Amino acid sequence: MNKPLNTPLNYLHKRRSKSKYFKNQLKTIFQYLQEHIATASMVSDATGIPQKNICRYKRDLEKAGRLWEITKKKCKQTGFKAWYLSTNPQNAPHNNQLNLF
């Protein structure tokens, strides 16, 4: 009836591996969008990463200024209107806000 105790060391080990798993997902998404312009559904289909995770990483990358919404049109995967995304700076839309003044 002895149950193994979850020591803080074991807990941290599990957390570290989970964090590493999510960092790998983020890198995979970032690298895929460097080479392709795609919607979150298309990225999910190509990489095998769940779409909900992609949406979370999309928000984080947008806040960091590393991901851009290129155009909103019909998704090839779902058939619904969606944003096509890219992390390639060459595909980034030009911001004319600074040129006004």
PDB file of N, CA and C in Angstrom:
ATOM      1  N   MET A   1       0.803  -1.176   0.000  1.00  0.00           N
ATOM      2  CA  MET A   1       0.000   0.000   0.000  1.00  0.00           C
ATOM      3  C   MET A   1       0.864   1.264   0.000  1.00  0.00           C
ATOM      4  N   ASN A   2       2.150   1.091  -0.134  1.00  0.00           N
ATOM      5  CA  ASN A   2       3.033   2.244  -0.210  1.00  0.00           C
ATOM      6  C   ASN A   2       2.948   2.855  -1.604  1.00  0.00           C
ATOM      7  N   LYS A   3       2.628   4.128  -1.639  1.00  0.00           N
ATOM      8  CA  LYS A   3       2.588   4.851  -2.898  1.00  0.00           C
ATOM      9  C   LYS A   3       3.851   5.685  -3.006  1.00  0.00           C
ATOM     10  N   PRO A   4       4.434   5.759  -4.191  1.00  0.00           N
ATOM     11  CA  PRO A   4       5.611   6.609  -4.334  1.00  0.00           C
ATOM     12  C   PRO A   4       5.211   8.079  -4.167  1.00  0.00           C
ATOM     13  N   LEU A   5       6.033   8.785  -3.452  1.00  0.00           N
ATOM     14  CA  LEU A   5       5.766  10.201  -3.218  1.00  0.00           C
ATOM     15  C   LEU A   5       6.246  11.018  -4.407  1.00  0.00           C
ATOM     16  N   ASN A   6       5.478  11.998  -4.744  1.00  0.00           N
ATOM     17  CA  ASN A   6       5.917  12.945  -5.774  1.00  0.00           C
ATOM     18  C   ASN A   6       6.768  14.009  -5.096  1.00  0.00           C
ATOM     19  N   THR A   7       8.040  13.837  -5.194  1.00  0.00           N
ATOM     20  CA  THR A   7       8.948  14.811  -4.592  1.00  0.00           C
ATOM     21  C   THR A   7       9.040  16.024  -5.503  1.00  0.00           C
ATOM     22  N   PRO A   8       9.446  17.147  -4.966  1.00  0.00           N
ATOM     23  CA  PRO A   8       9.595  18.329  -5.800  1.00  0.00           C
ATOM     24  C   PRO A   8      10.537  18.102  -6.980  1.00  0.00           C
ATOM     25  N   LEU A   9      11.573  17.278  -6.805  1.00  0.00           N
ATOM     26  CA  LEU A   9      12.505  17.009  -7.887  1.00  0.00           C
ATOM     27  C   LEU A   9      11.800  16.303  -9.035  1.00  0.00           C
ATOM     28  N   ASN A  10      10.973  15.309  -8.711  1.00  0.00           N
ATOM     29  CA  ASN A  10      10.228  14.610  -9.762  1.00  0.00           C
ATOM     30  C   ASN A  10       9.239  15.551 -10.447  1.00  0.00           C
ATOM     31  N   TYR A  11       8.615  16.395  -9.669  1.00  0.00           N
ATOM     32  CA  TYR A  11       7.655  17.341 -10.217  1.00  0.00           C
ATOM     33  C   TYR A  11       8.343  18.305 -11.191  1.00  0.00           C
ATOM     34  N   LEU A  12       9.486  18.824 -10.801  1.00  0.00           N
ATOM     35  CA  LEU A  12      10.209  19.743 -11.664  1.00  0.00           C
ATOM     36  C   LEU A  12      10.683  19.048 -12.929  1.00  0.00           C
ATOM     37  N   HIS A  13      11.047  17.791 -12.797  1.00  0.00           N
ATOM     38  CA  HIS A  13      11.488  17.041 -13.967  1.00  0.00           C
ATOM     39  C   HIS A  13      10.348  16.915 -14.977  1.00  0.00           C
ATOM     40  N   LYS A  14       9.137  16.627 -14.482  1.00  0.00           N
ATOM     41  CA  LYS A  14       7.991  16.515 -15.370  1.00  0.00           C
ATOM     42  C   LYS A  14       7.678  17.861 -16.012  1.00  0.00           C
ATOM     43  N   ARG A  15       7.746  18.927 -15.245  1.00  0.00           N
ATOM     44  CA  ARG A  15       7.454  20.253 -15.772  1.00  0.00           C
ATOM     45  C   ARG A  15       8.487  20.649 -16.830  1.00  0.00           C
ATOM     46  N   ARG A  16       9.731  20.321 -16.599  1.00  0.00           N
ATOM     47  CA  ARG A  16      10.778  20.685 -17.531  1.00  0.00           C
ATOM     48  C   ARG A  16      10.556  19.985 -18.875  1.00  0.00           C
ATOM     49  N   SER A  17      10.193  18.718 -18.842  1.00  0.00           N
ATOM     50  CA  SER A  17       9.993  17.999 -20.092  1.00  0.00           C
ATOM     51  C   SER A  17       8.757  18.520 -20.822  1.00  0.00           C
ATOM     52  N   LYS A  18       7.722  18.899 -20.090  1.00  0.00           N
ATOM     53  CA  LYS A  18       6.527  19.447 -20.716  1.00  0.00           C
ATOM     54  C   LYS A  18       6.857  20.782 -21.375  1.00  0.00           C
ATOM     55  N   SER A  19       7.635  21.616 -20.701  1.00  0.00           N
ATOM     56  CA  SER A  19       8.029  22.895 -21.251  1.00  0.00           C
ATOM     57  C   SER A  19       8.854  22.696 -22.523  1.00  0.00           C
ATOM     58  N   LYS A  20       9.734  21.716 -22.509  1.00  0.00           N
ATOM     59  CA  LYS A  20      10.561  21.432 -23.669  1.00  0.00           C
ATOM     60  C   LYS A  20       9.691  20.985 -24.843  1.00  0.00           C
ATOM     61  N   TYR A  21       8.650  20.218 -24.545  1.00  0.00           N
ATOM     62  CA  TYR A  21       7.730  19.749 -25.581  1.00  0.00           C
ATOM     63  C   TYR A  21       7.045  20.933 -26.253  1.00  0.00           C
ATOM     64  N   PHE A  22       6.568  21.898 -25.459  1.00  0.00           N
ATOM     65  CA  PHE A  22       5.892  23.057 -26.024  1.00  0.00           C
ATOM     66  C   PHE A  22       6.861  23.965 -26.769  1.00  0.00           C
ATOM     67  N   LYS A  23       8.102  24.071 -26.311  1.00  0.00           N
ATOM     68  CA  LYS A  23       9.093  24.868 -27.036  1.00  0.00           C
ATOM     69  C   LYS A  23       9.363  24.252 -28.398  1.00  0.00           C
ATOM     70  N   ASN A  24       9.385  22.917 -28.477  1.00  0.00           N
ATOM     71  CA  ASN A  24       9.580  22.259 -29.762  1.00  0.00           C
ATOM     72  C   ASN A  24       8.413  22.535 -30.695  1.00  0.00           C
ATOM     73  N   GLN A  25       7.192  22.576 -30.155  1.00  0.00           N
ATOM     74  CA  GLN A  25       6.033  22.898 -30.973  1.00  0.00           C
ATOM     75  C   GLN A  25       6.146  24.322 -31.514  1.00  0.00           C
ATOM     76  N   LEU A  26       6.546  25.240 -30.669  1.00  0.00           N
ATOM     77  CA  LEU A  26       6.697  26.634 -31.083  1.00  0.00           C
ATOM     78  C   LEU A  26       7.739  26.754 -32.192  1.00  0.00           C
ATOM     79  N   LYS A  27       8.864  26.085 -32.038  1.00  0.00           N
ATOM     80  CA  LYS A  27       9.907  26.112 -33.072  1.00  0.00           C
ATOM     81  C   LYS A  27       9.407  25.506 -34.369  1.00  0.00           C
ATOM     82  N   THR A  28       8.650  24.415 -34.280  1.00  0.00           N
ATOM     83  CA  THR A  28       8.117  23.761 -35.471  1.00  0.00           C
ATOM     84  C   THR A  28       7.175  24.696 -36.223  1.00  0.00           C
ATOM     85  N   ILE A  29       6.284  25.358 -35.499  1.00  0.00           N
ATOM     86  CA  ILE A  29       5.341  26.288 -36.114  1.00  0.00           C
ATOM     87  C   ILE A  29       6.094  27.454 -36.746  1.00  0.00           C
ATOM     88  N   PHE A  30       7.045  28.018 -36.003  1.00  0.00           N
ATOM     89  CA  PHE A  30       7.806  29.158 -36.496  1.00  0.00           C
ATOM     90  C   PHE A  30       8.545  28.801 -37.783  1.00  0.00           C
ATOM     91  N   GLN A  31       9.221  27.652 -37.806  1.00  0.00           N
ATOM     92  CA  GLN A  31       9.974  27.237 -38.985  1.00  0.00           C
ATOM     93  C   GLN A  31       9.057  26.937 -40.166  1.00  0.00           C
ATOM     94  N   TYR A  32       7.909  26.323 -39.896  1.00  0.00           N
ATOM     95  CA  TYR A  32       6.971  26.034 -40.977  1.00  0.00           C
ATOM     96  C   TYR A  32       6.468  27.326 -41.621  1.00  0.00           C
ATOM     97  N   LEU A  33       6.148  28.319 -40.790  1.00  0.00           N
ATOM     98  CA  LEU A  33       5.634  29.578 -41.319  1.00  0.00           C
ATOM     99  C   LEU A  33       6.731  30.462 -41.922  1.00  0.00           C
ATOM    100  N   GLN A  34       7.988  30.137 -41.710  1.00  0.00           N
ATOM    101  CA  GLN A  34       9.077  30.827 -42.397  1.00  0.00           C
ATOM    102  C   GLN A  34       9.050  30.484 -43.884  1.00  0.00           C
ATOM    103  N   GLU A  35       8.683  29.250 -44.188  1.00  0.00           N
ATOM    104  CA  GLU A  35       8.729  28.758 -45.565  1.00  0.00           C
ATOM    105  C   GLU A  35       7.369  28.772 -46.258  1.00  0.00           C
ATOM    106  N   HIS A  36       6.264  28.802 -45.489  1.00  0.00           N
ATOM    107  CA  HIS A  36       4.929  28.731 -46.052  1.00  0.00           C
ATOM    108  C   HIS A  36       4.060  29.870 -45.527  1.00  0.00           C
ATOM    109  N   ILE A  37       3.058  30.229 -46.310  1.00  0.00           N
ATOM    110  CA  ILE A  37       2.005  31.124 -45.845  1.00  0.00           C
ATOM    111  C   ILE A  37       0.775  30.240 -45.718  1.00  0.00           C
ATOM    112  N   ALA A  38       0.251  30.120 -44.490  1.00  0.00           N
ATOM    113  CA  ALA A  38      -0.823  29.162 -44.245  1.00  0.00           C
ATOM    114  C   ALA A  38      -1.709  29.624 -43.099  1.00  0.00           C
ATOM    115  N   THR A  39      -2.912  29.051 -43.034  1.00  0.00           N
ATOM    116  CA  THR A  39      -3.812  29.304 -41.913  1.00  0.00           C
ATOM    117  C   THR A  39      -3.447  28.368 -40.768  1.00  0.00           C
ATOM    118  N   ALA A  40      -4.022  28.605 -39.591  1.00  0.00           N
ATOM    119  CA  ALA A  40      -3.747  27.754 -38.434  1.00  0.00           C
ATOM    120  C   ALA A  40      -4.185  26.318 -38.709  1.00  0.00           C
ATOM    121  N   SER A  41      -5.299  26.135 -39.396  1.00  0.00           N
ATOM    122  CA  SER A  41      -5.767  24.786 -39.723  1.00  0.00           C
ATOM    123  C   SER A  41      -4.796  24.079 -40.662  1.00  0.00           C
ATOM    124  N   MET A  42      -4.261  24.797 -41.610  1.00  0.00           N
ATOM    125  CA  MET A  42      -3.305  24.206 -42.549  1.00  0.00           C
ATOM    126  C   MET A  42      -2.005  23.846 -41.847  1.00  0.00           C
ATOM    127  N   VAL A  43      -1.565  24.694 -40.918  1.00  0.00           N
ATOM    128  CA  VAL A  43      -0.356  24.406 -40.146  1.00  0.00           C
ATOM    129  C   VAL A  43      -0.578  23.173 -39.272  1.00  0.00           C
ATOM    130  N   SER A  44      -1.748  23.085 -38.658  1.00  0.00           N
ATOM    131  CA  SER A  44      -2.080  21.939 -37.822  1.00  0.00           C
ATOM    132  C   SER A  44      -2.051  20.649 -38.631  1.00  0.00           C
ATOM    133  N   ASP A  45      -2.613  20.678 -39.825  1.00  0.00           N
ATOM    134  CA  ASP A  45      -2.629  19.498 -40.677  1.00  0.00           C
ATOM    135  C   ASP A  45      -1.221  19.103 -41.112  1.00  0.00           C
ATOM    136  N   ALA A  46      -0.384  20.088 -41.422  1.00  0.00           N
ATOM    137  CA  ALA A  46       0.965  19.811 -41.914  1.00  0.00           C
ATOM    138  C   ALA A  46       1.925  19.347 -40.815  1.00  0.00           C
ATOM    139  N   THR A  47       1.754  19.883 -39.594  1.00  0.00           N
ATOM    140  CA  THR A  47       2.716  19.586 -38.526  1.00  0.00           C
ATOM    141  C   THR A  47       2.221  18.582 -37.506  1.00  0.00           C
ATOM    142  N   GLY A  48       0.903  18.384 -37.425  1.00  0.00           N
ATOM    143  CA  GLY A  48       0.352  17.473 -36.431  1.00  0.00           C
ATOM    144  C   GLY A  48       0.163  18.108 -35.062  1.00  0.00           C
ATOM    145  N   ILE A  49       0.390  19.401 -34.960  1.00  0.00           N
ATOM    146  CA  ILE A  49       0.208  20.122 -33.697  1.00  0.00           C
ATOM    147  C   ILE A  49      -1.255  20.546 -33.609  1.00  0.00           C
ATOM    148  N   PRO A  50      -1.909  20.329 -32.465  1.00  0.00           N
ATOM    149  CA  PRO A  50      -3.323  20.711 -32.343  1.00  0.00           C
ATOM    150  C   PRO A  50      -3.541  22.206 -32.615  1.00  0.00           C
ATOM    151  N   GLN A  51      -4.678  22.514 -33.256  1.00  0.00           N
ATOM    152  CA  GLN A  51      -4.957  23.885 -33.654  1.00  0.00           C
ATOM    153  C   GLN A  51      -5.056  24.824 -32.452  1.00  0.00           C
ATOM    154  N   LYS A  52      -5.556  24.339 -31.333  1.00  0.00           N
ATOM    155  CA  LYS A  52      -5.650  25.197 -30.146  1.00  0.00           C
ATOM    156  C   LYS A  52      -4.266  25.638 -29.684  1.00  0.00           C
ATOM    157  N   ASN A  53      -3.287  24.761 -29.771  1.00  0.00           N
ATOM    158  CA  ASN A  53      -1.921  25.140 -29.412  1.00  0.00           C
ATOM    159  C   ASN A  53      -1.383  26.174 -30.396  1.00  0.00           C
ATOM    160  N   ILE A  54      -1.689  25.993 -31.671  1.00  0.00           N
ATOM    161  CA  ILE A  54      -1.216  26.931 -32.684  1.00  0.00           C
ATOM    162  C   ILE A  54      -1.788  28.317 -32.432  1.00  0.00           C
ATOM    163  N   CYS A  55      -3.052  28.397 -32.042  1.00  0.00           N
ATOM    164  CA  CYS A  55      -3.667  29.701 -31.756  1.00  0.00           C
ATOM    165  C   CYS A  55      -2.972  30.392 -30.585  1.00  0.00           C
ATOM    166  N   ARG A  56      -2.567  29.624 -29.576  1.00  0.00           N
ATOM    167  CA  ARG A  56      -1.861  30.207 -28.436  1.00  0.00           C
ATOM    168  C   ARG A  56      -0.498  30.729 -28.868  1.00  0.00           C
ATOM    169  N   TYR A  57       0.223  29.938 -29.654  1.00  0.00           N
ATOM    170  CA  TYR A  57       1.538  30.368 -30.121  1.00  0.00           C
ATOM    171  C   TYR A  57       1.420  31.546 -31.077  1.00  0.00           C
ATOM    172  N   LYS A  58       0.344  31.586 -31.865  1.00  0.00           N
ATOM    173  CA  LYS A  58       0.105  32.705 -32.774  1.00  0.00           C
ATOM    174  C   LYS A  58       0.028  34.008 -31.984  1.00  0.00           C
ATOM    175  N   ARG A  59      -0.730  33.998 -30.905  1.00  0.00           N
ATOM    176  CA  ARG A  59      -0.867  35.193 -30.071  1.00  0.00           C
ATOM    177  C   ARG A  59       0.491  35.605 -29.500  1.00  0.00           C
ATOM    178  N   ASP A  60       1.258  34.640 -28.997  1.00  0.00           N
ATOM    179  CA  ASP A  60       2.569  34.948 -28.418  1.00  0.00           C
ATOM    180  C   ASP A  60       3.525  35.514 -29.470  1.00  0.00           C
ATOM    181  N   LEU A  61       3.527  34.920 -30.659  1.00  0.00           N
ATOM    182  CA  LEU A  61       4.421  35.399 -31.712  1.00  0.00           C
ATOM    183  C   LEU A  61       3.999  36.779 -32.224  1.00  0.00           C
ATOM    184  N   GLU A  62       2.697  37.043 -32.277  1.00  0.00           N
ATOM    185  CA  GLU A  62       2.226  38.369 -32.686  1.00  0.00           C
ATOM    186  C   GLU A  62       2.658  39.436 -31.689  1.00  0.00           C
ATOM    187  N   LYS A  63       2.524  39.133 -30.409  1.00  0.00           N
ATOM    188  CA  LYS A  63       2.941  40.095 -29.372  1.00  0.00           C
ATOM    189  C   LYS A  63       4.434  40.368 -29.438  1.00  0.00           C
ATOM    190  N   ALA A  64       5.213  39.347 -29.826  1.00  0.00           N
ATOM    191  CA  ALA A  64       6.659  39.509 -29.939  1.00  0.00           C
ATOM    192  C   ALA A  64       7.061  40.176 -31.255  1.00  0.00           C
ATOM    193  N   GLY A  65       6.096  40.387 -32.150  1.00  0.00           N
ATOM    194  CA  GLY A  65       6.401  41.013 -33.432  1.00  0.00           C
ATOM    195  C   GLY A  65       7.058  40.075 -34.417  1.00  0.00           C
ATOM    196  N   ARG A  66       6.837  38.766 -34.275  1.00  0.00           N
ATOM    197  CA  ARG A  66       7.497  37.780 -35.140  1.00  0.00           C
ATOM    198  C   ARG A  66       6.536  37.064 -36.091  1.00  0.00           C
ATOM    199  N   LEU A  67       5.228  37.364 -36.022  1.00  0.00           N
ATOM    200  CA  LEU A  67       4.239  36.714 -36.876  1.00  0.00           C
ATOM    201  C   LEU A  67       3.292  37.778 -37.411  1.00  0.00           C
ATOM    202  N   TRP A  68       2.933  37.653 -38.696  1.00  0.00           N
ATOM    203  CA  TRP A  68       2.060  38.631 -39.322  1.00  0.00           C
ATOM    204  C   TRP A  68       0.895  37.934 -40.009  1.00  0.00           C
ATOM    205  N   GLU A  69      -0.254  38.604 -39.963  1.00  0.00           N
ATOM    206  CA  GLU A  69      -1.414  38.164 -40.718  1.00  0.00           C
ATOM    207  C   GLU A  69      -1.291  38.785 -42.100  1.00  0.00           C
ATOM    208  N   ILE A  70      -1.207  37.952 -43.122  1.00  0.00           N
ATOM    209  CA  ILE A  70      -0.934  38.437 -44.475  1.00  0.00           C
ATOM    210  C   ILE A  70      -2.225  38.847 -45.184  1.00  0.00           C
ATOM    211  N   THR A  71      -3.153  37.929 -45.299  1.00  0.00           N
ATOM    212  CA  THR A  71      -4.410  38.206 -45.975  1.00  0.00           C
ATOM    213  C   THR A  71      -5.503  37.313 -45.411  1.00  0.00           C
ATOM    214  N   LYS A  72      -6.727  37.793 -45.494  1.00  0.00           N
ATOM    215  CA  LYS A  72      -7.849  36.997 -45.003  1.00  0.00           C
ATOM    216  C   LYS A  72      -8.652  36.532 -46.207  1.00  0.00           C
ATOM    217  N   LYS A  73      -8.631  35.220 -46.424  1.00  0.00           N
ATOM    218  CA  LYS A  73      -9.395  34.645 -47.523  1.00  0.00           C
ATOM    219  C   LYS A  73      -9.790  33.214 -47.174  1.00  0.00           C
ATOM    220  N   LYS A  74     -10.462  32.557 -48.066  1.00  0.00           N
ATOM    221  CA  LYS A  74     -10.981  31.217 -47.826  1.00  0.00           C
ATOM    222  C   LYS A  74      -9.839  30.234 -47.582  1.00  0.00           C
ATOM    223  N   CYS A  75      -9.919  29.499 -46.477  1.00  0.00           N
ATOM    224  CA  CYS A  75      -8.907  28.502 -46.116  1.00  0.00           C
ATOM    225  C   CYS A  75      -9.055  27.272 -47.015  1.00  0.00           C
ATOM    226  N   LYS A  76      -7.952  26.767 -47.516  1.00  0.00           N
ATOM    227  CA  LYS A  76      -7.975  25.571 -48.363  1.00  0.00           C
ATOM    228  C   LYS A  76      -8.352  24.325 -47.569  1.00  0.00           C
ATOM    229  N   GLN A  77      -8.123  24.350 -46.269  1.00  0.00           N
ATOM    230  CA  GLN A  77      -8.390  23.200 -45.404  1.00  0.00           C
ATOM    231  C   GLN A  77      -9.860  23.140 -44.964  1.00  0.00           C
ATOM    232  N   THR A  78     -10.387  24.257 -44.467  1.00  0.00           N
ATOM    233  CA  THR A  78     -11.723  24.255 -43.868  1.00  0.00           C
ATOM    234  C   THR A  78     -12.801  24.843 -44.766  1.00  0.00           C
ATOM    235  N   GLY A  79     -12.429  25.709 -45.695  1.00  0.00           N
ATOM    236  CA  GLY A  79     -13.406  26.359 -46.549  1.00  0.00           C
ATOM    237  C   GLY A  79     -13.990  27.632 -45.955  1.00  0.00           C
ATOM    238  N   PHE A  80     -13.583  27.982 -44.748  1.00  0.00           N
ATOM    239  CA  PHE A  80     -14.051  29.209 -44.101  1.00  0.00           C
ATOM    240  C   PHE A  80     -13.011  30.307 -44.273  1.00  0.00           C
ATOM    241  N   LYS A  81     -13.458  31.566 -44.131  1.00  0.00           N
ATOM    242  CA  LYS A  81     -12.506  32.672 -44.180  1.00  0.00           C
ATOM    243  C   LYS A  81     -11.591  32.617 -42.973  1.00  0.00           C
ATOM    244  N   ALA A  82     -10.300  32.789 -43.211  1.00  0.00           N
ATOM    245  CA  ALA A  82      -9.314  32.751 -42.128  1.00  0.00           C
ATOM    246  C   ALA A  82      -8.099  33.571 -42.548  1.00  0.00           C
ATOM    247  N   TRP A  83      -7.304  33.952 -41.560  1.00  0.00           N
ATOM    248  CA  TRP A  83      -6.081  34.705 -41.820  1.00  0.00           C
ATOM    249  C   TRP A  83      -4.970  33.760 -42.259  1.00  0.00           C
ATOM    250  N   TYR A  84      -4.282  34.128 -43.310  1.00  0.00           N
ATOM    251  CA  TYR A  84      -3.072  33.425 -43.726  1.00  0.00           C
ATOM    252  C   TYR A  84      -1.914  34.074 -42.985  1.00  0.00           C
ATOM    253  N   LEU A  85      -1.062  33.255 -42.387  1.00  0.00           N
ATOM    254  CA  LEU A  85      -0.018  33.715 -41.471  1.00  0.00           C
ATOM    255  C   LEU A  85       1.369  33.476 -42.048  1.00  0.00           C
ATOM    256  N   SER A  86       2.326  34.267 -41.585  1.00  0.00           N
ATOM    257  CA  SER A  86       3.722  34.072 -41.965  1.00  0.00           C
ATOM    258  C   SER A  86       4.629  34.634 -40.872  1.00  0.00           C
ATOM    259  N   THR A  87       5.777  33.994 -40.691  1.00  0.00           N
ATOM    260  CA  THR A  87       6.797  34.519 -39.781  1.00  0.00           C
ATOM    261  C   THR A  87       7.993  35.053 -40.561  1.00  0.00           C
ATOM    262  N   ASN A  88       7.914  35.013 -41.869  1.00  0.00           N
ATOM    263  CA  ASN A  88       8.992  35.510 -42.715  1.00  0.00           C
ATOM    264  C   ASN A  88       8.869  37.031 -42.831  1.00  0.00           C
ATOM    265  N   PRO A  89       9.893  37.784 -42.416  1.00  0.00           N
ATOM    266  CA  PRO A  89       9.817  39.251 -42.460  1.00  0.00           C
ATOM    267  C   PRO A  89       9.609  39.807 -43.872  1.00  0.00           C
ATOM    268  N   GLN A  90      10.012  39.066 -44.893  1.00  0.00           N
ATOM    269  CA  GLN A  90       9.813  39.524 -46.268  1.00  0.00           C
ATOM    270  C   GLN A  90       8.334  39.564 -46.642  1.00  0.00           C
ATOM    271  N   ASN A  91       7.522  38.753 -45.976  1.00  0.00           N
ATOM    272  CA  ASN A  91       6.086  38.715 -46.251  1.00  0.00           C
ATOM    273  C   ASN A  91       5.295  39.672 -45.372  1.00  0.00           C
ATOM    274  N   ALA A  92       5.963  40.327 -44.443  1.00  0.00           N
ATOM    275  CA  ALA A  92       5.272  41.216 -43.504  1.00  0.00           C
ATOM    276  C   ALA A  92       4.663  42.403 -44.234  1.00  0.00           C
ATOM    277  N   PRO A  93       3.420  42.756 -43.898  1.00  0.00           N
ATOM    278  CA  PRO A  93       2.820  43.937 -44.525  1.00  0.00           C
ATOM    279  C   PRO A  93       3.537  45.197 -44.060  1.00  0.00           C
ATOM    280  N   HIS A  94       3.634  46.149 -44.953  1.00  0.00           N
ATOM    281  CA  HIS A  94       4.313  47.406 -44.617  1.00  0.00           C
ATOM    282  C   HIS A  94       3.388  48.276 -43.795  1.00  0.00           C
ATOM    283  N   ASN A  95       3.927  48.869 -42.742  1.00  0.00           N
ATOM    284  CA  ASN A  95       3.155  49.736 -41.859  1.00  0.00           C
ATOM    285  C   ASN A  95       3.404  51.186 -42.263  1.00  0.00           C
ATOM    286  N   ASN A  96       2.377  51.862 -42.743  1.00  0.00           N
ATOM    287  CA  ASN A  96       2.508  53.264 -43.162  1.00  0.00           C
ATOM    288  C   ASN A  96       2.251  54.233 -42.022  1.00  0.00           C
ATOM    289  N   GLN A  97       2.003  53.737 -40.839  1.00  0.00           N
ATOM    290  CA  GLN A  97       1.685  54.599 -39.700  1.00  0.00           C
ATOM    291  C   GLN A  97       2.812  55.580 -39.398  1.00  0.00           C
ATOM    292  N   LEU A  98       4.057  55.148 -39.514  1.00  0.00           N
ATOM    293  CA  LEU A  98       5.178  56.013 -39.202  1.00  0.00           C
ATOM    294  C   LEU A  98       5.416  57.074 -40.274  1.00  0.00           C
ATOM    295  N   ASN A  99       4.921  56.848 -41.473  1.00  0.00           N
ATOM    296  CA  ASN A  99       5.140  57.791 -42.561  1.00  0.00           C
ATOM    297  C   ASN A  99       4.174  58.956 -42.553  1.00  0.00           C
ATOM    298  N   LEU A 100       3.199  58.961 -41.672  1.00  0.00           N
ATOM    299  CA  LEU A 100       2.213  60.020 -41.660  1.00  0.00           C
ATOM    300  C   LEU A 100       2.758  61.324 -41.112  1.00  0.00           C
ATOM    301  N   PHE A 101       3.750  61.265 -40.254  1.00  0.00           N
ATOM    302  CA  PHE A 101       4.247  62.488 -39.622  1.00  0.00           C
ATOM    303  C   PHE A 101       5.656  62.795 -40.016  1.00  0.00           C
TER     304      PHE A 101
END
